[in-house]
Protein backbone atom coordinates (compact mmCIF):
# COMPACT_ATOMS: atom_id res chain seq x y z
CA MET A 1 -0.03 0.04 -0.01
CA HIS A 2 1.36 3.44 -0.99
CA SER A 3 1.41 6.35 1.57
CA PRO A 4 -0.96 9.24 1.24
CA GLU A 5 1.75 11.43 -0.16
CA LEU A 6 2.85 9.04 -2.62
CA GLN A 7 -0.85 8.31 -3.69
CA ALA A 8 -1.34 12.11 -4.19
CA GLN A 9 1.84 12.47 -6.17
CA ILE A 10 0.87 9.39 -8.42
CA ALA A 11 -2.55 11.33 -9.09
CA LEU A 12 -0.42 14.33 -10.24
CA TRP A 13 1.74 12.22 -12.55
CA ARG A 14 -1.35 10.63 -14.02
CA GLN A 15 -2.71 14.02 -14.61
CA LYS A 16 0.51 15.29 -16.22
CA ALA A 17 0.80 12.23 -18.52
CA ALA A 18 -2.75 12.67 -19.62
CA ASP A 19 -2.18 16.16 -20.62
CA GLY A 20 1.11 15.47 -22.23
CA SER A 21 3.22 17.69 -19.77
CA MET A 22 5.50 14.99 -18.34
CA SER A 23 9.15 15.62 -18.69
CA LEU A 24 12.04 13.20 -18.89
CA ASP A 25 12.82 14.14 -15.30
CA ASP A 26 9.27 13.43 -14.30
CA TRP A 27 9.47 10.12 -15.75
CA LYS A 28 12.92 9.46 -13.98
CA VAL A 29 11.34 10.38 -10.59
CA VAL A 30 8.35 8.13 -11.21
CA VAL A 31 10.40 5.03 -12.07
CA ILE A 32 12.75 5.79 -8.92
CA ALA A 33 9.74 6.14 -6.64
CA LEU A 34 7.83 3.23 -7.69
CA ARG A 35 11.08 1.12 -7.87
CA GLY A 36 11.66 2.10 -4.21
CA GLY A 37 8.43 0.19 -3.22
CA ARG A 38 9.40 -2.81 -5.22
CA LEU A 39 12.81 -2.80 -3.35
CA ALA A 40 10.87 -2.84 -0.14
CA ALA A 41 8.79 -5.55 -1.25
CA ALA A 42 11.68 -7.63 -2.45
CA ALA A 43 13.37 -7.40 0.85
CA SER A 44 10.42 -8.99 2.84
CA SER A 45 9.68 -11.60 0.29
CA THR A 46 10.50 -15.32 0.27
CA SER A 47 13.64 -16.41 -1.47
CA GLY A 48 11.97 -17.49 -4.83
CA THR A 49 9.73 -14.57 -4.96
CA ARG A 50 12.65 -12.33 -4.24
CA LYS A 51 14.75 -13.54 -6.99
CA ARG A 52 11.70 -13.05 -9.41
CA ALA A 53 11.33 -9.46 -7.99
CA MET A 54 15.14 -8.61 -8.40
CA LYS A 55 14.70 -9.78 -12.13
CA GLU A 56 12.03 -6.95 -12.34
CA ILE A 57 14.01 -4.43 -10.50
CA GLN A 58 16.90 -4.87 -12.77
CA ARG A 59 14.43 -4.25 -15.60
CA ALA A 60 13.70 -0.71 -13.95
CA ASP A 61 17.55 -0.02 -14.48
CA ASP A 62 16.97 -0.72 -18.07
CA LEU A 63 13.97 1.41 -18.31
CA LEU A 64 15.93 4.54 -16.89
CA GLY A 65 18.63 3.80 -19.32
CA GLU A 66 16.26 3.94 -22.15
CA LEU A 67 14.67 7.15 -20.78
CA GLU A 68 18.11 8.81 -20.79
CA ARG A 69 18.57 7.86 -24.43
CA LEU A 70 15.55 9.71 -25.56
């Protein structure tokens, strides 16, 4: 579950994405913020689930790299 502050920020990001005003820096912040929650989930998960989550987290790094190449 996301904190009230993060939920409010997500709502703002959704609005900016809908009206086309998201910048590259905004997208980086989104990926980092949402990735932070995944890191916390990975740390508390079982071994098998943790390995799958870490694969997903590595893909987030790829996404940040793709954003920087735009």
